[in-house]
């Protein structure tokens, strides 16, 4: 069997997602990571390290991700065009 018929595995051992889904996978991962960090910092700043912090933070994270992911899907093409207008082509 050659490399073209054997799917490459990811770091988790699962098959790689086809390249046509990159436009959804990238904003998905970006929104998950960014909302994780931002909601953690803002929840910790607002409440401090209180009892029940983890549950409150996870609720805030879930809500912020529900807003962030579709927003990224909508604005990413605009951001790409603005970036192309501001940065020299290589």
N, C-alpha and C. Protein backbone atom coordinates (compact mmCIF):
# COMPACT_ATOMS: atom_id res chain seq x y z
N UNK A 1 0.83 -1.18 0.00
CA UNK A 1 0.00 0.00 0.00
C UNK A 1 0.88 1.25 0.00
N UNK A 2 0.57 2.21 -0.86
CA UNK A 2 1.40 3.41 -0.90
C UNK A 2 0.82 4.49 0.00
N UNK A 3 1.54 5.59 0.10
CA UNK A 3 1.15 6.67 1.02
C UNK A 3 -0.14 7.35 0.59
N UNK A 4 -0.47 7.27 -0.70
CA UNK A 4 -1.69 7.95 -1.17
C UNK A 4 -2.95 7.22 -0.75
N UNK A 5 -2.88 5.93 -0.54
CA UNK A 5 -4.08 5.19 -0.16
C UNK A 5 -4.17 4.99 1.35
N UNK A 6 -3.09 5.22 2.06
CA UNK A 6 -3.10 5.09 3.51
C UNK A 6 -3.29 6.47 4.12
N UNK A 7 -4.42 6.71 4.80
CA UNK A 7 -4.62 8.04 5.38
C UNK A 7 -3.61 8.32 6.49
N UNK A 8 -3.07 9.54 6.49
CA UNK A 8 -2.16 9.93 7.55
C UNK A 8 -2.95 10.13 8.82
N UNK A 9 -2.32 9.87 9.94
CA UNK A 9 -2.97 10.01 11.23
C UNK A 9 -2.59 11.35 11.86
N UNK A 10 -3.50 11.89 12.67
CA UNK A 10 -3.20 13.11 13.41
C UNK A 10 -2.47 12.74 14.69
N UNK A 11 -2.17 13.73 15.51
CA UNK A 11 -1.49 13.46 16.77
C UNK A 11 -2.38 12.67 17.72
N UNK A 12 -3.69 12.64 17.48
CA UNK A 12 -4.61 11.87 18.33
C UNK A 12 -4.84 10.47 17.78
N UNK A 13 -4.23 10.14 16.65
CA UNK A 13 -4.37 8.82 16.07
C UNK A 13 -5.58 8.64 15.17
N UNK A 14 -6.31 9.71 14.91
CA UNK A 14 -7.46 9.63 14.03
C UNK A 14 -7.07 10.04 12.61
N UNK A 15 -7.82 9.62 11.61
CA UNK A 15 -7.48 10.03 10.23
C UNK A 15 -7.59 11.55 10.07
N UNK A 16 -6.78 12.10 9.18
CA UNK A 16 -6.82 13.54 8.91
C UNK A 16 -8.12 13.90 8.21
N UNK A 17 -8.57 15.10 8.45
CA UNK A 17 -9.77 15.63 7.81
C UNK A 17 -9.38 16.11 6.41
N UNK A 18 -10.22 15.87 5.41
CA UNK A 18 -9.89 16.35 4.06
C UNK A 18 -9.66 17.86 4.02
N UNK A 19 -8.77 18.29 3.13
CA UNK A 19 -8.36 19.70 3.03
C UNK A 19 -9.54 20.62 2.76
N UNK A 20 -10.59 20.15 2.13
CA UNK A 20 -11.72 21.01 1.81
C UNK A 20 -12.42 21.54 3.07
N UNK A 21 -12.17 20.94 4.21
CA UNK A 21 -12.78 21.39 5.46
C UNK A 21 -11.91 22.36 6.25
N UNK A 22 -10.77 22.74 5.72
CA UNK A 22 -9.85 23.64 6.43
C UNK A 22 -10.50 24.98 6.77
N UNK A 23 -11.39 25.46 5.92
CA UNK A 23 -12.07 26.72 6.16
C UNK A 23 -13.02 26.69 7.35
N UNK A 24 -13.37 25.51 7.81
CA UNK A 24 -14.22 25.38 9.00
C UNK A 24 -13.39 24.95 10.20
N UNK A 25 -12.40 24.08 9.97
CA UNK A 25 -11.58 23.56 11.08
C UNK A 25 -10.74 24.68 11.71
N UNK A 26 -10.16 25.55 10.89
CA UNK A 26 -9.32 26.62 11.42
C UNK A 26 -10.12 27.56 12.31
N UNK A 27 -11.28 28.11 11.87
CA UNK A 27 -12.04 28.96 12.78
C UNK A 27 -12.58 28.21 14.00
N UNK A 28 -12.88 26.92 13.84
CA UNK A 28 -13.34 26.13 14.98
C UNK A 28 -12.27 26.08 16.06
N UNK A 29 -11.05 25.71 15.67
CA UNK A 29 -9.95 25.63 16.64
C UNK A 29 -9.59 26.99 17.21
N UNK A 30 -9.55 28.00 16.35
CA UNK A 30 -9.23 29.35 16.80
C UNK A 30 -10.26 29.85 17.80
N UNK A 31 -11.54 29.64 17.51
CA UNK A 31 -12.58 30.11 18.42
C UNK A 31 -12.56 29.34 19.74
N UNK A 32 -12.29 28.05 19.69
CA UNK A 32 -12.21 27.26 20.93
C UNK A 32 -11.08 27.77 21.82
N UNK A 33 -9.91 27.95 21.24
CA UNK A 33 -8.75 28.37 22.04
C UNK A 33 -8.86 29.81 22.52
N UNK A 34 -9.29 30.71 21.65
CA UNK A 34 -9.37 32.12 22.05
C UNK A 34 -10.44 32.33 23.12
N UNK A 35 -11.61 31.71 22.95
CA UNK A 35 -12.65 31.89 23.96
C UNK A 35 -12.27 31.23 25.27
N UNK A 36 -11.52 30.14 25.21
CA UNK A 36 -11.05 29.49 26.44
C UNK A 36 -10.21 30.46 27.25
N UNK A 37 -9.24 31.08 26.60
CA UNK A 37 -8.32 31.99 27.30
C UNK A 37 -9.04 33.26 27.76
N UNK A 38 -9.78 33.88 26.86
CA UNK A 38 -10.42 35.16 27.20
C UNK A 38 -11.49 34.98 28.28
N UNK A 39 -12.31 33.93 28.18
CA UNK A 39 -13.33 33.73 29.20
C UNK A 39 -12.71 33.37 30.55
N UNK A 40 -11.61 32.62 30.54
CA UNK A 40 -10.92 32.30 31.79
C UNK A 40 -10.43 33.57 32.47
N UNK A 41 -9.75 34.42 31.70
CA UNK A 41 -9.21 35.65 32.28
C UNK A 41 -10.32 36.58 32.76
N UNK A 42 -11.35 36.78 31.94
CA UNK A 42 -12.41 37.71 32.33
C UNK A 42 -13.23 37.18 33.50
N UNK A 43 -13.49 35.87 33.54
CA UNK A 43 -14.25 35.30 34.66
C UNK A 43 -13.43 35.36 35.94
N UNK A 44 -12.15 35.05 35.84
CA UNK A 44 -11.28 35.11 37.02
C UNK A 44 -11.15 36.55 37.52
N UNK A 45 -11.05 37.47 36.60
CA UNK A 45 -10.94 38.89 37.00
C UNK A 45 -12.22 39.38 37.65
N UNK A 46 -13.37 38.96 37.14
CA UNK A 46 -14.65 39.43 37.68
C UNK A 46 -14.99 38.78 39.02
N UNK A 47 -14.71 37.48 39.16
CA UNK A 47 -15.14 36.75 40.34
C UNK A 47 -14.03 36.42 41.32
N UNK A 48 -12.82 36.31 40.82
CA UNK A 48 -11.73 35.82 41.64
C UNK A 48 -11.84 34.31 41.79
N UNK A 49 -10.90 33.70 42.51
CA UNK A 49 -10.91 32.24 42.66
C UNK A 49 -11.92 31.78 43.72
N UNK A 50 -13.19 31.78 43.37
CA UNK A 50 -14.27 31.43 44.31
C UNK A 50 -14.66 29.97 44.16
N UNK A 51 -15.43 29.47 45.15
CA UNK A 51 -16.01 28.13 45.02
C UNK A 51 -16.96 28.15 43.83
N UNK A 52 -16.95 27.09 43.06
CA UNK A 52 -17.81 27.00 41.88
C UNK A 52 -17.28 27.72 40.67
N UNK A 53 -16.02 28.18 40.75
CA UNK A 53 -15.43 28.94 39.64
C UNK A 53 -15.43 28.12 38.35
N UNK A 54 -15.04 26.86 38.44
CA UNK A 54 -14.90 26.05 37.24
C UNK A 54 -16.22 25.96 36.47
N UNK A 55 -17.31 25.70 37.16
CA UNK A 55 -18.62 25.62 36.50
C UNK A 55 -19.05 26.94 35.89
N UNK A 56 -18.81 28.02 36.62
CA UNK A 56 -19.16 29.35 36.11
C UNK A 56 -18.34 29.67 34.87
N UNK A 57 -17.05 29.39 34.93
CA UNK A 57 -16.17 29.66 33.79
C UNK A 57 -16.56 28.81 32.58
N UNK A 58 -16.84 27.53 32.80
CA UNK A 58 -17.21 26.68 31.66
C UNK A 58 -18.51 27.15 31.02
N UNK A 59 -19.45 27.64 31.82
CA UNK A 59 -20.67 28.20 31.27
C UNK A 59 -20.40 29.45 30.43
N UNK A 60 -19.53 30.30 30.94
CA UNK A 60 -19.14 31.51 30.21
C UNK A 60 -18.40 31.14 28.93
N UNK A 61 -17.55 30.14 29.02
CA UNK A 61 -16.80 29.70 27.84
C UNK A 61 -17.74 29.15 26.78
N UNK A 62 -18.68 28.33 27.18
CA UNK A 62 -19.62 27.77 26.20
C UNK A 62 -20.42 28.84 25.49
N UNK A 63 -20.92 29.81 26.24
CA UNK A 63 -21.69 30.89 25.65
C UNK A 63 -20.83 31.73 24.72
N UNK A 64 -19.62 32.05 25.16
CA UNK A 64 -18.74 32.87 24.31
C UNK A 64 -18.34 32.12 23.05
N UNK A 65 -18.16 30.81 23.13
CA UNK A 65 -17.82 30.05 21.93
C UNK A 65 -19.00 30.00 20.96
N UNK A 66 -20.23 29.88 21.49
CA UNK A 66 -21.41 29.87 20.63
C UNK A 66 -21.54 31.16 19.82
N UNK A 67 -21.04 32.25 20.36
CA UNK A 67 -21.05 33.52 19.64
C UNK A 67 -19.82 33.62 18.73
N UNK A 68 -18.66 33.21 19.23
CA UNK A 68 -17.41 33.42 18.51
C UNK A 68 -17.29 32.58 17.24
N UNK A 69 -17.70 31.33 17.27
CA UNK A 69 -17.50 30.47 16.10
C UNK A 69 -18.28 30.96 14.88
N UNK A 70 -19.58 31.20 14.97
CA UNK A 70 -20.26 31.72 13.78
C UNK A 70 -19.77 33.10 13.37
N UNK A 71 -19.36 33.91 14.36
CA UNK A 71 -18.82 35.23 14.03
C UNK A 71 -17.55 35.09 13.21
N UNK A 72 -16.67 34.18 13.62
CA UNK A 72 -15.44 33.95 12.86
C UNK A 72 -15.73 33.47 11.45
N UNK A 73 -16.70 32.59 11.30
CA UNK A 73 -17.05 32.12 9.96
C UNK A 73 -17.51 33.27 9.07
N UNK A 74 -18.19 34.25 9.65
CA UNK A 74 -18.68 35.39 8.87
C UNK A 74 -17.60 36.42 8.58
N UNK A 75 -16.74 36.70 9.55
CA UNK A 75 -15.78 37.79 9.38
C UNK A 75 -14.43 37.36 8.81
N UNK A 76 -14.12 36.09 8.84
CA UNK A 76 -12.80 35.65 8.36
C UNK A 76 -12.52 36.04 6.91
N UNK A 77 -13.46 35.92 5.99
CA UNK A 77 -13.16 36.37 4.62
C UNK A 77 -12.86 37.87 4.55
N UNK A 78 -13.53 38.67 5.36
CA UNK A 78 -13.28 40.11 5.40
C UNK A 78 -11.89 40.39 5.96
N UNK A 79 -11.54 39.68 7.03
CA UNK A 79 -10.22 39.86 7.65
C UNK A 79 -9.11 39.44 6.68
N UNK A 80 -9.33 38.38 5.93
CA UNK A 80 -8.32 37.97 4.94
C UNK A 80 -8.11 39.05 3.88
N UNK A 81 -9.21 39.66 3.40
CA UNK A 81 -9.08 40.74 2.40
C UNK A 81 -8.40 41.96 3.00
N UNK A 82 -8.76 42.33 4.22
CA UNK A 82 -8.10 43.46 4.86
C UNK A 82 -6.62 43.19 5.07
N UNK A 83 -6.28 41.99 5.48
CA UNK A 83 -4.88 41.63 5.66
C UNK A 83 -4.12 41.73 4.35
N UNK A 84 -4.72 41.20 3.28
CA UNK A 84 -4.08 41.27 1.96
C UNK A 84 -3.87 42.72 1.52
N UNK A 85 -4.80 43.61 1.91
CA UNK A 85 -4.67 45.01 1.53
C UNK A 85 -3.58 45.72 2.34
N UNK A 86 -3.30 45.23 3.53
CA UNK A 86 -2.34 45.89 4.42
C UNK A 86 -0.93 45.33 4.35
N UNK A 87 -0.79 44.10 3.88
CA UNK A 87 0.50 43.41 3.91
C UNK A 87 1.01 43.20 2.50
N UNK A 88 2.31 43.43 2.31
CA UNK A 88 2.92 43.19 1.00
C UNK A 88 2.82 41.71 0.64
N UNK A 89 2.58 41.45 -0.63
CA UNK A 89 2.54 40.05 -1.07
C UNK A 89 3.96 39.51 -1.15
N UNK A 90 4.09 38.23 -0.84
CA UNK A 90 5.42 37.62 -0.80
C UNK A 90 5.77 37.01 -2.03
